[in-house]
Amino acid sequence: MIDFEFTDEQRLLEQSVREWGSREVAPYVRENDRTHHFARDRILGGMARLGLLGISVPQEYGGAGMDYISLGLASEELEYVDTSLRVI
C-alpha cells in the first residue's frame, strides 16, 4: 500500500519555511514591491540558513539532498508569502 502522508521531516520543513516567511518576508513584501527592492541578504541569507538553496541537490554536491516533495512544500510556503520567491 502506498503511504501518501508527509514525513515528519517534510512537516518540519513546511512549518519552518512558513514561520520564517511570516516573520522575515511577509512584513516587507508590499514595500519591496512598491520600491522594486529585493532584500538579498535577508531573504537569500535566510533561505540559505534553512537549507532551501539547493534543497533537492544531492548532499555530495553541496545541496540539502531532500526529495522533490520537500521542494514542492518549501516552494508552496514561499509562494504563499511572496510569489516571486518560488523561482529562487
Protein backbone atom coordinates (compact mmCIF):
# COMPACT_ATOMS: atom_id res chain seq x y z
CA MET A 1 0.00 0.00 0.00
CA ILE A 2 1.24 3.49 -0.84
CA ASP A 3 1.58 5.95 2.02
CA PHE A 4 0.52 9.45 0.98
CA GLU A 5 1.29 11.08 4.33
CA PHE A 6 4.12 13.57 4.64
CA THR A 7 7.10 12.51 6.72
CA ASP A 8 7.97 14.22 9.98
CA GLU A 9 10.94 15.83 8.21
CA GLN A 10 8.68 17.21 5.48
CA ARG A 11 6.20 18.59 8.02
CA LEU A 12 9.03 20.23 9.97
CA LEU A 13 10.40 21.79 6.78
CA GLU A 14 6.95 23.09 5.84
CA GLN A 15 6.44 24.60 9.29
CA SER A 16 9.94 26.12 9.38
CA VAL A 17 9.55 27.77 5.98
CA ARG A 18 6.07 29.04 6.90
CA GLU A 19 7.31 30.59 10.15
CA TRP A 20 10.39 32.11 8.53
CA GLY A 21 8.35 33.56 5.67
CA SER A 22 5.78 35.05 8.02
CA ARG A 23 8.48 36.62 10.16
CA GLU A 24 11.18 37.63 7.65
CA VAL A 25 9.41 38.15 4.32
CA ALA A 26 5.70 38.92 4.70
CA PRO A 27 6.12 42.19 6.65
CA TYR A 28 8.22 43.65 3.82
CA VAL A 29 6.51 42.37 0.66
CA ARG A 30 4.29 45.37 -0.04
CA GLU A 31 7.09 47.91 0.48
CA ASN A 32 9.57 45.83 -1.53
CA ASP A 33 7.12 45.60 -4.43
CA ARG A 34 6.40 49.32 -4.28
CA THR A 35 10.11 50.27 -4.31
CA HIS A 36 11.26 47.42 -6.59
CA HIS A 37 13.65 46.32 -3.86
CA PHE A 38 14.91 42.81 -3.18
CA ALA A 39 16.46 42.34 0.26
CA ARG A 40 19.06 39.89 -1.00
CA ASP A 41 20.98 39.41 2.26
CA ARG A 42 17.90 38.95 4.42
CA ILE A 43 15.98 36.75 2.00
CA LEU A 44 18.71 34.67 0.38
CA GLY A 45 20.63 34.51 3.65
CA GLY A 46 17.56 33.21 5.43
CA MET A 47 16.84 30.71 2.69
CA ALA A 48 20.44 29.50 2.86
CA ARG A 49 20.25 29.08 6.64
CA LEU A 50 17.10 26.98 6.20
CA GLY A 51 18.84 24.87 3.54
CA LEU A 52 16.42 25.93 0.82
CA LEU A 53 19.01 26.86 -1.78
CA GLY A 54 19.79 23.59 -3.47
CA ILE A 55 17.16 21.75 -1.46
CA SER A 56 16.91 18.86 -3.94
CA VAL A 57 20.59 18.85 -4.92
CA PRO A 58 22.38 15.75 -3.57
CA GLN A 59 24.47 16.33 -0.46
CA GLU A 60 27.58 15.11 -2.24
CA TYR A 61 27.31 18.22 -4.44
CA GLY A 62 26.63 20.63 -1.59
CA GLY A 63 22.84 20.52 -1.54
CA ALA A 64 20.38 19.50 1.14
CA GLY A 65 19.63 16.16 -0.51
CA MET A 66 15.88 16.37 0.10
CA ASP A 67 13.24 14.87 -2.15
CA TYR A 68 11.01 16.67 -4.64
CA ILE A 69 8.02 16.55 -2.29
CA SER A 70 10.07 18.65 0.15
CA LEU A 71 10.98 21.02 -2.68
CA GLY A 72 7.29 21.38 -3.53
CA LEU A 73 6.30 22.01 0.09
CA ALA A 74 9.00 24.63 0.54
CA SER A 75 8.08 26.31 -2.75
CA GLU A 76 4.42 26.40 -1.79
CA GLU A 77 5.18 28.06 1.54
CA LEU A 78 7.48 30.61 -0.12
CA GLU A 79 4.85 31.41 -2.74
CA TYR A 80 2.28 31.96 -0.02
CA VAL A 81 4.20 34.94 1.39
CA ASP A 82 5.77 36.27 -1.83
CA THR A 83 5.08 34.67 -5.17
CA SER A 84 8.36 35.94 -6.63
CA LEU A 85 10.31 33.62 -4.29
CA ARG A 86 9.04 30.46 -5.97
CA VAL A 87 11.62 30.82 -8.73
CA ILE A 88 14.65 31.04 -6.44
